[in-house]
Amino acid sequence: PVADTRWRIWLAVALAWATHPLLDALADDSSPPIGIMAFWPVT
C-alpha cells in the first residue's frame, strides 16, 4: 500500500530502495572493500 497502481508501487519502491546505495556512495567509507556493489548483477 504505497501507491495507487502496481506500476507506481514498483517505481516508488525501486526508487526508495535505490536511495540507499546512492547515499552510501556519497558517504565516507573506510571499511574495505571501499564503495558499494551498485550495479550487481551486471558487475
PDB file of all heavy atoms in Angstrom:
ATOM      1  N   PRO A   1       0.804  -1.232   0.000  1.00  0.00           N
ATOM      2  CA  PRO A   1       0.000   0.000   0.000  1.00  0.00           C
ATOM      3  C   PRO A   1       0.841   1.287   0.000  1.00  0.00           C
ATOM      4  O   PRO A   1       0.780   2.090   0.931  1.00  0.00           O
ATOM      5  CB  PRO A   1      -0.833  -0.134   1.271  1.00  0.00           C
ATOM      6  CG  PRO A   1       0.031  -0.938   2.185  1.00  0.00           C
ATOM      7  CD  PRO A   1       0.770  -1.908   1.297  1.00  0.00           C
ATOM      8  N   VAL A   2       1.592   1.489  -1.082  1.00  0.00           N
ATOM      9  CA  VAL A   2       2.389   2.712  -1.183  1.00  0.00           C
ATOM     10  C   VAL A   2       1.960   3.588  -2.358  1.00  0.00           C
ATOM     11  O   VAL A   2       2.376   4.743  -2.438  1.00  0.00           O
ATOM     12  CB  VAL A   2       3.904   2.414  -1.291  1.00  0.00           C
ATOM     13  CG1 VAL A   2       4.410   1.750  -0.029  1.00  0.00           C
ATOM     14  CG2 VAL A   2       4.231   1.585  -2.503  1.00  0.00           C
ATOM     15  N   ALA A   3       1.153   3.067  -3.257  1.00  0.00           N
ATOM     16  CA  ALA A   3       0.721   3.836  -4.422  1.00  0.00           C
ATOM     17  C   ALA A   3      -0.598   3.270  -4.948  1.00  0.00           C
ATOM     18  O   ALA A   3      -1.063   2.223  -4.493  1.00  0.00           O
ATOM     19  CB  ALA A   3       1.792   3.798  -5.505  1.00  0.00           C
ATOM     20  N   ASP A   4      -1.153   3.960  -5.949  1.00  0.00           N
ATOM     21  CA  ASP A   4      -2.485   3.589  -6.435  1.00  0.00           C
ATOM     22  C   ASP A   4      -2.490   2.572  -7.569  1.00  0.00           C
ATOM     23  O   ASP A   4      -3.536   2.023  -7.883  1.00  0.00           O
ATOM     24  CB  ASP A   4      -3.265   4.839  -6.839  1.00  0.00           C
ATOM     25  CG  ASP A   4      -2.559   5.672  -7.891  1.00  0.00           C
ATOM     26  OD1 ASP A   4      -1.413   5.345  -8.260  1.00  0.00           O
ATOM     27  OD2 ASP A   4      -3.148   6.663  -8.340  1.00  0.00           O
ATOM     28  N   THR A   5      -1.369   2.318  -8.211  1.00  0.00           N
ATOM     29  CA  THR A   5      -1.303   1.306  -9.265  1.00  0.00           C
ATOM     30  C   THR A   5      -0.067   0.448  -9.043  1.00  0.00           C
ATOM     31  O   THR A   5       0.887   0.870  -8.386  1.00  0.00           O
ATOM     32  CB  THR A   5      -1.216   1.943 -10.670  1.00  0.00           C
ATOM     33  OG1 THR A   5       0.043   2.630 -10.792  1.00  0.00           O
ATOM     34  CG2 THR A   5      -2.378   2.893 -10.938  1.00  0.00           C
ATOM     35  N   ARG A   6      -0.067  -0.734  -9.611  1.00  0.00           N
ATOM     36  CA  ARG A   6       1.090  -1.619  -9.458  1.00  0.00           C
ATOM     37  C   ARG A   6       2.346  -1.009 -10.084  1.00  0.00           C
ATOM     38  O   ARG A   6       3.443  -1.182  -9.551  1.00  0.00           O
ATOM     39  CB  ARG A   6       0.799  -2.995 -10.040  1.00  0.00           C
ATOM     40  CG  ARG A   6      -0.196  -3.765  -9.202  1.00  0.00           C
ATOM     41  CD  ARG A   6      -0.405  -5.179  -9.730  1.00  0.00           C
ATOM     42  NE  ARG A   6      -1.550  -5.805  -9.129  1.00  0.00           N
ATOM     43  CZ  ARG A   6      -1.519  -6.500  -8.008  1.00  0.00           C
ATOM     44  NH1 ARG A   6      -0.398  -6.652  -7.363  1.00  0.00           N
ATOM     45  NH2 ARG A   6      -2.613  -7.056  -7.529  1.00  0.00           N
ATOM     46  N   TRP A   7       2.187  -0.302 -11.188  1.00  0.00           N
ATOM     47  CA  TRP A   7       3.344   0.324 -11.814  1.00  0.00           C
ATOM     48  C   TRP A   7       3.937   1.393 -10.898  1.00  0.00           C
ATOM     49  O   TRP A   7       5.136   1.473 -10.718  1.00  0.00           O
ATOM     50  CB  TRP A   7       2.958   0.923 -13.168  1.00  0.00           C
ATOM     51  CG  TRP A   7       4.071   1.698 -13.798  1.00  0.00           C
ATOM     52  CD1 TRP A   7       4.085   3.021 -14.078  1.00  0.00           C
ATOM     53  CD2 TRP A   7       5.354   1.216 -14.199  1.00  0.00           C
ATOM     54  NE1 TRP A   7       5.279   3.400 -14.637  1.00  0.00           N
ATOM     55  CE2 TRP A   7       6.081   2.292 -14.725  1.00  0.00           C
ATOM     56  CE3 TRP A   7       5.976  -0.034 -14.161  1.00  0.00           C
ATOM     57  CZ2 TRP A   7       7.383   2.177 -15.204  1.00  0.00           C
ATOM     58  CZ3 TRP A   7       7.273  -0.158 -14.645  1.00  0.00           C
ATOM     59  CH2 TRP A   7       7.956   0.936 -15.160  1.00  0.00           C
ATOM     60  N   ARG A   8       3.090   2.194 -10.271  1.00  0.00           N
ATOM     61  CA  ARG A   8       3.583   3.222  -9.334  1.00  0.00           C
ATOM     62  C   ARG A   8       4.157   2.590  -8.071  1.00  0.00           C
ATOM     63  O   ARG A   8       5.118   3.101  -7.499  1.00  0.00           O
ATOM     64  CB  ARG A   8       2.471   4.203  -8.976  1.00  0.00           C
ATOM     65  CG  ARG A   8       2.195   5.205 -10.075  1.00  0.00           C
ATOM     66  CD  ARG A   8       1.203   6.248  -9.581  1.00  0.00           C
ATOM     67  NE  ARG A   8       0.827   7.143 -10.637  1.00  0.00           N
ATOM     68  CZ  ARG A   8       1.454   8.284 -10.907  1.00  0.00           C
ATOM     69  NH1 ARG A   8       2.485   8.649 -10.190  1.00  0.00           N
ATOM     70  NH2 ARG A   8       1.059   9.051 -11.895  1.00  0.00           N
ATOM     71  N   ILE A   9       3.564   1.495  -7.622  1.00  0.00           N
ATOM     72  CA  ILE A   9       4.138   0.771  -6.483  1.00  0.00           C
ATOM     73  C   ILE A   9       5.555   0.339  -6.841  1.00  0.00           C
ATOM     74  O   ILE A   9       6.500   0.564  -6.085  1.00  0.00           O
ATOM     75  CB  ILE A   9       3.292  -0.463  -6.097  1.00  0.00           C
ATOM     76  CG1 ILE A   9       1.932  -0.049  -5.544  1.00  0.00           C
ATOM     77  CG2 ILE A   9       4.044  -1.355  -5.095  1.00  0.00           C
ATOM     78  CD1 ILE A   9       0.944  -1.197  -5.401  1.00  0.00           C
ATOM     79  N   TRP A  10       5.703  -0.276  -8.018  1.00  0.00           N
ATOM     80  CA  TRP A  10       7.019  -0.756  -8.444  1.00  0.00           C
ATOM     81  C   TRP A  10       8.023   0.395  -8.490  1.00  0.00           C
ATOM     82  O   TRP A  10       9.119   0.296  -7.931  1.00  0.00           O
ATOM     83  CB  TRP A  10       6.926  -1.428  -9.825  1.00  0.00           C
ATOM     84  CG  TRP A  10       8.195  -2.125 -10.202  1.00  0.00           C
ATOM     85  CD1 TRP A  10       8.496  -3.435  -9.982  1.00  0.00           C
ATOM     86  CD2 TRP A  10       9.345  -1.549 -10.825  1.00  0.00           C
ATOM     87  NE1 TRP A  10       9.770  -3.699 -10.431  1.00  0.00           N
ATOM     88  CE2 TRP A  10      10.315  -2.562 -10.958  1.00  0.00           C
ATOM     89  CE3 TRP A  10       9.659  -0.281 -11.283  1.00  0.00           C
ATOM     90  CZ2 TRP A  10      11.567  -2.350 -11.533  1.00  0.00           C
ATOM     91  CZ3 TRP A  10      10.911  -0.053 -11.862  1.00  0.00           C
ATOM     92  CH2 TRP A  10      11.840  -1.085 -11.984  1.00  0.00           C
ATOM     93  N   LEU A  11       7.649   1.477  -9.124  1.00  0.00           N
ATOM     94  CA  LEU A  11       8.570   2.596  -9.288  1.00  0.00           C
ATOM     95  C   LEU A  11       8.898   3.267  -7.952  1.00  0.00           C
ATOM     96  O   LEU A  11      10.065   3.586  -7.668  1.00  0.00           O
ATOM     97  CB  LEU A  11       7.978   3.607 -10.272  1.00  0.00           C
ATOM     98  CG  LEU A  11       8.932   4.623 -10.865  1.00  0.00           C
ATOM     99  CD1 LEU A  11      10.150   3.966 -11.486  1.00  0.00           C
ATOM    100  CD2 LEU A  11       8.204   5.460 -11.904  1.00  0.00           C
ATOM    101  N   ALA A  12       7.894   3.463  -7.102  1.00  0.00           N
ATOM    102  CA  ALA A  12       8.127   4.099  -5.800  1.00  0.00           C
ATOM    103  C   ALA A  12       9.063   3.258  -4.931  1.00  0.00           C
ATOM    104  O   ALA A  12       9.992   3.784  -4.310  1.00  0.00           O
ATOM    105  CB  ALA A  12       6.799   4.335  -5.078  1.00  0.00           C
ATOM    106  N   VAL A  13       8.850   1.953  -4.901  1.00  0.00           N
ATOM    107  CA  VAL A  13       9.694   1.073  -4.090  1.00  0.00           C
ATOM    108  C   VAL A  13      11.094   0.962  -4.693  1.00  0.00           C
ATOM    109  O   VAL A  13      12.092   0.986  -3.960  1.00  0.00           O
ATOM    110  CB  VAL A  13       9.031  -0.311  -3.902  1.00  0.00           C
ATOM    111  CG1 VAL A  13       9.982  -1.311  -3.278  1.00  0.00           C
ATOM    112  CG2 VAL A  13       7.763  -0.178  -3.058  1.00  0.00           C
ATOM    113  N   ALA A  14      11.196   0.865  -6.003  1.00  0.00           N
ATOM    114  CA  ALA A  14      12.519   0.800  -6.642  1.00  0.00           C
ATOM    115  C   ALA A  14      13.334   2.050  -6.334  1.00  0.00           C
ATOM    116  O   ALA A  14      14.518   1.966  -5.977  1.00  0.00           O
ATOM    117  CB  ALA A  14      12.377   0.607  -8.150  1.00  0.00           C
ATOM    118  N   LEU A  15      12.703   3.209  -6.442  1.00  0.00           N
ATOM    119  CA  LEU A  15      13.421   4.450  -6.141  1.00  0.00           C
ATOM    120  C   LEU A  15      13.748   4.564  -4.658  1.00  0.00           C
ATOM    121  O   LEU A  15      14.834   5.040  -4.289  1.00  0.00           O
ATOM    122  CB  LEU A  15      12.622   5.658  -6.618  1.00  0.00           C
ATOM    123  CG  LEU A  15      12.582   5.861  -8.125  1.00  0.00           C
ATOM    124  CD1 LEU A  15      11.709   7.044  -8.483  1.00  0.00           C
ATOM    125  CD2 LEU A  15      13.979   6.037  -8.683  1.00  0.00           C
ATOM    126  N   ALA A  16      12.824   4.160  -3.803  1.00  0.00           N
ATOM    127  CA  ALA A  16      13.090   4.205  -2.360  1.00  0.00           C
ATOM    128  C   ALA A  16      14.293   3.326  -2.013  1.00  0.00           C
ATOM    129  O   ALA A  16      15.181   3.737  -1.271  1.00  0.00           O
ATOM    130  CB  ALA A  16      11.851   3.764  -1.576  1.00  0.00           C
ATOM    131  N   TRP A  17      14.348   2.122  -2.578  1.00  0.00           N
ATOM    132  CA  TRP A  17      15.481   1.222  -2.328  1.00  0.00           C
ATOM    133  C   TRP A  17      16.763   1.811  -2.915  1.00  0.00           C
ATOM    134  O   TRP A  17      17.827   1.760  -2.296  1.00  0.00           O
ATOM    135  CB  TRP A  17      15.213  -0.154  -2.929  1.00  0.00           C
ATOM    136  CG  TRP A  17      16.229  -1.183  -2.541  1.00  0.00           C
ATOM    137  CD1 TRP A  17      17.492  -1.353  -3.057  1.00  0.00           C
ATOM    138  CD2 TRP A  17      16.095  -2.197  -1.543  1.00  0.00           C
ATOM    139  NE1 TRP A  17      18.131  -2.386  -2.455  1.00  0.00           N
ATOM    140  CE2 TRP A  17      17.295  -2.930  -1.517  1.00  0.00           C
ATOM    141  CE3 TRP A  17      15.068  -2.549  -0.672  1.00  0.00           C
ATOM    142  CZ2 TRP A  17      17.496  -4.000  -0.659  1.00  0.00           C
ATOM    143  CZ3 TRP A  17      15.278  -3.620   0.176  1.00  0.00           C
ATOM    144  CH2 TRP A  17      16.478  -4.333   0.188  1.00  0.00           C
ATOM    145  N   ALA A  18      16.673   2.375  -4.117  1.00  0.00           N
ATOM    146  CA  ALA A  18      17.862   2.901  -4.806  1.00  0.00           C
ATOM    147  C   ALA A  18      18.486   4.096  -4.079  1.00  0.00           C
ATOM    148  O   ALA A  18      19.673   4.386  -4.287  1.00  0.00           O
ATOM    149  CB  ALA A  18      17.509   3.277  -6.240  1.00  0.00           C
ATOM    150  N   THR A  19      17.716   4.780  -3.238  1.00  0.00           N
ATOM    151  CA  THR A  19      18.316   5.879  -2.483  1.00  0.00           C
ATOM    152  C   THR A  19      19.380   5.369  -1.519  1.00  0.00           C
ATOM    153  O   THR A  19      20.328   6.086  -1.214  1.00  0.00           O
ATOM    154  CB  THR A  19      17.258   6.682  -1.688  1.00  0.00           C
ATOM    155  OG1 THR A  19      16.624   5.832  -0.721  1.00  0.00           O
ATOM    156  CG2 THR A  19      16.248   7.339  -2.609  1.00  0.00           C
ATOM    157  N   HIS A  20      19.239   4.132  -1.074  1.00  0.00           N
ATOM    158  CA  HIS A  20      20.208   3.591  -0.113  1.00  0.00           C
ATOM    159  C   HIS A  20      21.612   3.488  -0.721  1.00  0.00           C
ATOM    160  O   HIS A  20      22.558   4.045  -0.159  1.00  0.00           O
ATOM    161  CB  HIS A  20      19.744   2.243   0.431  1.00  0.00           C
ATOM    162  CG  HIS A  20      20.548   1.796   1.604  1.00  0.00           C
ATOM    163  ND1 HIS A  20      20.068   1.836   2.886  1.00  0.00           N
ATOM    164  CD2 HIS A  20      21.820   1.342   1.698  1.00  0.00           C
ATOM    165  CE1 HIS A  20      21.004   1.412   3.715  1.00  0.00           C
ATOM    166  NE2 HIS A  20      22.083   1.101   3.013  1.00  0.00           N
ATOM    167  N   PRO A  21      21.767   2.797  -1.859  1.00  0.00           N
ATOM    168  CA  PRO A  21      23.112   2.768  -2.438  1.00  0.00           C
ATOM    169  C   PRO A  21      23.617   4.153  -2.845  1.00  0.00           C
ATOM    170  O   PRO A  21      24.811   4.435  -2.747  1.00  0.00           O
ATOM    171  CB  PRO A  21      22.993   1.838  -3.645  1.00  0.00           C
ATOM    172  CG  PRO A  21      21.576   1.493  -3.793  1.00  0.00           C
ATOM    173  CD  PRO A  21      20.842   1.915  -2.563  1.00  0.00           C
ATOM    174  N   LEU A  22      22.713   5.033  -3.258  1.00  0.00           N
ATOM    175  CA  LEU A  22      23.140   6.388  -3.629  1.00  0.00           C
ATOM    176  C   LEU A  22      23.731   7.111  -2.422  1.00  0.00           C
ATOM    177  O   LEU A  22      24.836   7.671  -2.504  1.00  0.00           O
ATOM    178  CB  LEU A  22      21.966   7.185  -4.201  1.00  0.00           C
ATOM    179  CG  LEU A  22      22.260   8.658  -4.493  1.00  0.00           C
ATOM    180  CD1 LEU A  22      23.329   8.782  -5.579  1.00  0.00           C
ATOM    181  CD2 LEU A  22      20.994   9.385  -4.887  1.00  0.00           C
ATOM    182  N   LEU A  23      23.024   7.095  -1.298  1.00  0.00           N
ATOM    183  CA  LEU A  23      23.537   7.767  -0.100  1.00  0.00           C
ATOM    184  C   LEU A  23      24.826   7.124   0.387  1.00  0.00           C
ATOM    185  O   LEU A  23      25.754   7.817   0.794  1.00  0.00           O
ATOM    186  CB  LEU A  23      22.489   7.762   1.017  1.00  0.00           C
ATOM    187  CG  LEU A  23      21.600   9.003   1.108  1.00  0.00           C
ATOM    188  CD1 LEU A  23      20.825   9.261  -0.163  1.00  0.00           C
ATOM    189  CD2 LEU A  23      20.672   8.898   2.299  1.00  0.00           C
ATOM    190  N   ASP A  24      24.897   5.787   0.341  1.00  0.00           N
ATOM    191  CA  ASP A  24      26.128   5.117   0.770  1.00  0.00           C
ATOM    192  C   ASP A  24      27.303   5.462  -0.142  1.00  0.00           C
ATOM    193  O   ASP A  24      28.436   5.585   0.322  1.00  0.00           O
ATOM    194  CB  ASP A  24      25.933   3.607   0.825  1.00  0.00           C
ATOM    195  CG  ASP A  24      25.296   3.137   2.120  1.00  0.00           C
ATOM    196  OD1 ASP A  24      24.854   3.995   2.918  1.00  0.00           O
ATOM    197  OD2 ASP A  24      25.242   1.922   2.343  1.00  0.00           O
ATOM    198  N   ALA A  25      27.038   5.626  -1.418  1.00  0.00           N
ATOM    199  CA  ALA A  25      28.116   6.004  -2.349  1.00  0.00           C
ATOM    200  C   ALA A  25      28.606   7.420  -2.075  1.00  0.00           C
ATOM    201  O   ALA A  25      29.748   7.760  -2.381  1.00  0.00           O
ATOM    202  CB  ALA A  25      27.647   5.875  -3.793  1.00  0.00           C
ATOM    203  N   LEU A  26      27.755   8.243  -1.492  1.00  0.00           N
ATOM    204  CA  LEU A  26      28.099   9.635  -1.192  1.00  0.00           C
ATOM    205  C   LEU A  26      28.551   9.831   0.258  1.00  0.00           C
ATOM    206  O   LEU A  26      28.613  10.950   0.743  1.00  0.00           O
ATOM    207  CB  LEU A  26      26.892  10.539  -1.469  1.00  0.00           C
ATOM    208  CG  LEU A  26      26.460  10.622  -2.927  1.00  0.00           C
ATOM    209  CD1 LEU A  26      25.142  11.368  -3.050  1.00  0.00           C
ATOM    210  CD2 LEU A  26      27.539  11.274  -3.773  1.00  0.00           C
ATOM    211  N   ALA A  27      28.854   8.738   0.945  1.00  0.00           N
ATOM    212  CA  ALA A  27      29.276   8.812   2.344  1.00  0.00           C
ATOM    213  C   ALA A  27      30.731   8.374   2.491  1.00  0.00           C
ATOM    214  O   ALA A  27      31.256   7.632   1.658  1.00  0.00           O
ATOM    215  CB  ALA A  27      28.387   7.916   3.200  1.00  0.00           C
ATOM    216  N   ASP A  28      31.350   8.844   3.568  1.00  0.00           N
ATOM    217  CA  ASP A  28      32.704   8.374   3.900  1.00  0.00           C
ATOM    218  C   ASP A  28      32.665   6.860   4.028  1.00  0.00           C
ATOM    219  O   ASP A  28      31.707   6.298   4.550  1.00  0.00           O
ATOM    220  CB  ASP A  28      33.169   8.969   5.231  1.00  0.00           C
ATOM    221  CG  ASP A  28      33.477  10.450   5.133  1.00  0.00           C
ATOM    222  OD1 ASP A  28      33.814  10.912   4.033  1.00  0.00           O
ATOM    223  OD2 ASP A  28      33.377  11.134   6.165  1.00  0.00           O
ATOM    224  N   ASP A  29      33.722   6.214   3.557  1.00  0.00           N
ATOM    225  CA  ASP A  29      33.806   4.762   3.653  1.00  0.00           C
ATOM    226  C   ASP A  29      35.256   4.385   3.929  1.00  0.00           C
ATOM    227  O   ASP A  29      36.135   4.681   3.132  1.00  0.00           O
ATOM    228  CB  ASP A  29      33.315   4.106   2.363  1.00  0.00           C
ATOM    229  CG  ASP A  29      33.138   2.606   2.491  1.00  0.00           C
ATOM    230  OD1 ASP A  29      33.485   2.034   3.540  1.00  0.00           O
ATOM    231  OD2 ASP A  29      32.656   1.988   1.525  1.00  0.00           O
ATOM    232  N   SER A  30      35.482   3.726   5.032  1.00  0.00           N
ATOM    233  CA  SER A  30      36.841   3.315   5.377  1.00  0.00           C
ATOM    234  C   SER A  30      36.942   1.811   5.598  1.00  0.00           C
ATOM    235  O   SER A  30      37.983   1.310   6.003  1.00  0.00           O
ATOM    236  CB  SER A  30      37.306   4.055   6.636  1.00  0.00           C
ATOM    237  OG  SER A  30      36.437   3.775   7.712  1.00  0.00           O
ATOM    238  N   SER A  31      35.858   1.087   5.324  1.00  0.00           N
ATOM    239  CA  SER A  31      35.849  -0.366   5.505  1.00  0.00           C
ATOM    240  C   SER A  31      35.997  -1.059   4.161  1.00  0.00           C
ATOM    241  O   SER A  31      35.105  -0.944   3.314  1.00  0.00           O
ATOM    242  CB  SER A  31      34.544  -0.817   6.153  1.00  0.00           C
ATOM    243  OG  SER A  31      34.370  -0.196   7.392  1.00  0.00           O
ATOM    244  N   PRO A  32      37.102  -1.787   3.949  1.00  0.00           N
ATOM    245  CA  PRO A  32      37.274  -2.494   2.674  1.00  0.00           C
ATOM    246  C   PRO A  32      36.202  -3.552   2.490  1.00  0.00           C
ATOM    247  O   PRO A  32      35.805  -4.181   3.470  1.00  0.00           O
ATOM    248  CB  PRO A  32      38.652  -3.128   2.785  1.00  0.00           C
ATOM    249  CG  PRO A  32      39.328  -2.413   3.903  1.00  0.00           C
ATOM    250  CD  PRO A  32      38.252  -1.905   4.821  1.00  0.00           C
ATOM    251  N   PRO A  33      35.729  -3.793   1.307  1.00  0.00           N
ATOM    252  CA  PRO A  33      36.047  -3.045   0.089  1.00  0.00           C
ATOM    253  C   PRO A  33      35.351  -1.674   0.102  1.00  0.00           C
ATOM    254  O   PRO A  33      34.205  -1.565   0.533  1.00  0.00           O
ATOM    255  CB  PRO A  33      35.508  -3.922  -1.034  1.00  0.00           C
ATOM    256  CG  PRO A  33      34.412  -4.721  -0.403  1.00  0.00           C
ATOM    257  CD  PRO A  33      34.787  -4.881   1.052  1.00  0.00           C
ATOM    258  N   ILE A  34      36.043  -0.667  -0.355  1.00  0.00           N
ATOM    259  CA  ILE A  34      35.511   0.695  -0.368  1.00  0.00           C
ATOM    260  C   ILE A  34      34.427   0.801  -1.440  1.00  0.00           C
ATOM    261  O   ILE A  34      34.606   0.377  -2.570  1.00  0.00           O
ATOM    262  CB  ILE A  34      36.628   1.724  -0.644  1.00  0.00           C
ATOM    263  CG1 ILE A  34      37.746   1.593   0.395  1.00  0.00           C
ATOM    264  CG2 ILE A  34      36.076   3.139  -0.708  1.00  0.00           C
ATOM    265  CD1 ILE A  34      37.331   1.882   1.822  1.00  0.00           C
ATOM    266  N   GLY A  35      33.296   1.387  -1.064  1.00  0.00           N
ATOM    267  CA  GLY A  35      32.203   1.591  -2.010  1.00  0.00           C
ATOM    268  C   GLY A  35      31.096   0.569  -1.863  1.00  0.00           C
ATOM    269  O   GLY A  35      31.008  -0.153  -0.869  1.00  0.00           O
ATOM    270  N   ILE A  36      30.253   0.517  -2.877  1.00  0.00           N
ATOM    271  CA  ILE A  36      29.099  -0.387  -2.893  1.00  0.00           C
ATOM    272  C   ILE A  36      29.036  -1.114  -4.224  1.00  0.00           C
ATOM    273  O   ILE A  36      29.535  -0.638  -5.231  1.00  0.00           O
ATOM    274  CB  ILE A  36      27.778   0.392  -2.670  1.00  0.00           C
ATOM    275  CG1 ILE A  36      27.669   1.522  -3.685  1.00  0.00           C
ATOM    276  CG2 ILE A  36      27.684   0.912  -1.258  1.00  0.00           C
ATOM    277  CD1 ILE A  36      26.294   2.003  -3.898  1.00  0.00           C
ATOM    278  N   MET A  37      28.409  -2.264  -4.237  1.00  0.00           N
ATOM    279  CA  MET A  37      28.246  -3.067  -5.446  1.00  0.00           C
ATOM    280  C   MET A  37      26.966  -2.595  -6.170  1.00  0.00           C
ATOM    281  O   MET A  37      26.001  -3.336  -6.316  1.00  0.00           O
ATOM    282  CB  MET A  37      28.159  -4.543  -5.068  1.00  0.00           C
ATOM    283  CG  MET A  37      28.482  -5.494  -6.181  1.00  0.00           C
ATOM    284  SD  MET A  37      28.260  -7.233  -5.711  1.00  0.00           S
ATOM    285  CE  MET A  37      29.583  -7.484  -4.559  1.00  0.00           C
ATOM    286  N   ALA A  38      26.978  -1.358  -6.641  1.00  0.00           N
ATOM    287  CA  ALA A  38      25.778  -0.685  -7.145  1.00  0.00           C
ATOM    288  C   ALA A  38      25.149  -1.333  -8.370  1.00  0.00           C
ATOM    289  O   ALA A  38      23.941  -1.258  -8.539  1.00  0.00           O
ATOM    290  CB  ALA A  38      26.098   0.777  -7.457  1.00  0.00           C
ATOM    291  N   PHE A  39      25.930  -1.947  -9.202  1.00  0.00           N
ATOM    292  CA  PHE A  39      25.394  -2.446 -10.472  1.00  0.00           C
ATOM    293  C   PHE A  39      25.287  -3.967 -10.539  1.00  0.00           C
ATOM    294  O   PHE A  39      25.223  -4.536 -11.621  1.00  0.00           O
ATOM    295  CB  PHE A  39      26.223  -1.888 -11.633  1.00  0.00           C
ATOM    296  CG  PHE A  39      26.233  -0.385 -11.638  1.00  0.00           C
ATOM    297  CD1 PHE A  39      27.369   0.322 -11.270  1.00  0.00           C
ATOM    298  CD2 PHE A  39      25.083   0.320 -11.953  1.00  0.00           C
ATOM    299  CE1 PHE A  39      27.361   1.711 -11.244  1.00  0.00           C
ATOM    300  CE2 PHE A  39      25.071   1.710 -11.923  1.00  0.00           C
ATOM    301  CZ  PHE A  39      26.217   2.400 -11.570  1.00  0.00           C
ATOM    302  N   TRP A  40      25.256  -4.629  -9.367  1.00  0.00           N
ATOM    303  CA  TRP A  40      25.008  -6.057  -9.334  1.00  0.00           C
ATOM    304  C   TRP A  40      23.616  -6.321  -9.892  1.00  0.00           C
ATOM    305  O   TRP A  40      22.713  -5.534  -9.665  1.00  0.00           O
ATOM    306  CB  TRP A  40      25.095  -6.554  -7.881  1.00  0.00           C
ATOM    307  CG  TRP A  40      24.733  -7.988  -7.725  1.00  0.00           C
ATOM    308  CD1 TRP A  40      25.558  -9.055  -7.851  1.00  0.00           C
ATOM    309  CD2 TRP A  40      23.443  -8.514  -7.425  1.00  0.00           C
ATOM    310  NE1 TRP A  40      24.858 -10.205  -7.643  1.00  0.00           N
ATOM    311  CE2 TRP A  40      23.545  -9.906  -7.390  1.00  0.00           C
ATOM    312  CE3 TRP A  40      22.186  -7.944  -7.212  1.00  0.00           C
ATOM    313  CZ2 TRP A  40      22.462 -10.741  -7.137  1.00  0.00           C
ATOM    314  CZ3 TRP A  40      21.106  -8.766  -6.961  1.00  0.00           C
ATOM    315  CH2 TRP A  40      21.246 -10.152  -6.922  1.00  0.00           C
ATOM    316  N   PRO A  41      23.371  -7.331 -10.665  1.00  0.00           N
ATOM    317  CA  PRO A  41      24.185  -8.486 -11.032  1.00  0.00           C
ATOM    318  C   PRO A  41      25.001  -8.289 -12.314  1.00  0.00           C
ATOM    319  O   PRO A  41      25.679  -9.209 -12.746  1.00  0.00           O
ATOM    320  CB  PRO A  41      23.158  -9.590 -11.206  1.00  0.00           C
ATOM    321  CG  PRO A  41      21.959  -8.888 -11.741  1.00  0.00           C
ATOM    322  CD  PRO A  41      21.972  -7.526 -11.074  1.00  0.00           C
ATOM    323  N   VAL A  42      24.948  -7.118 -12.904  1.00  0.00           N
ATOM    324  CA  VAL A  42      25.705  -6.878 -14.133  1.00  0.00           C
ATOM    325  C   VAL A  42      27.202  -6.951 -13.868  1.00  0.00           C
ATOM    326  O   VAL A  42      27.958  -7.507 -14.652  1.00  0.00           O
ATOM    327  CB  VAL A  42      25.317  -5.513 -14.762  1.00  0.00           C
ATOM    328  CG1 VAL A  42      26.161  -5.194 -15.973  1.00  0.00           C
ATOM    329  CG2 VAL A  42      23.826  -5.499 -15.108  1.00  0.00           C
ATOM    330  N   THR A  43      27.632  -6.369 -12.753  1.00  0.00           N
ATOM    331  CA  THR A  43      29.042  -6.398 -12.379  1.00  0.00           C
ATOM    332  C   THR A  43      29.167  -6.473 -10.862  1.00  0.00           C
ATOM    333  O   THR A  43      28.267  -6.038 -10.146  1.00  0.00           O
ATOM    334  CB  THR A  43      29.800  -5.167 -12.916  1.00  0.00           C
ATOM    335  OG1 THR A  43      31.168  -5.243 -12.525  1.00  0.00           O
ATOM    336  CG2 THR A  43      29.193  -3.878 -12.409  1.00  0.00           C
TER     337      THR A  43
END
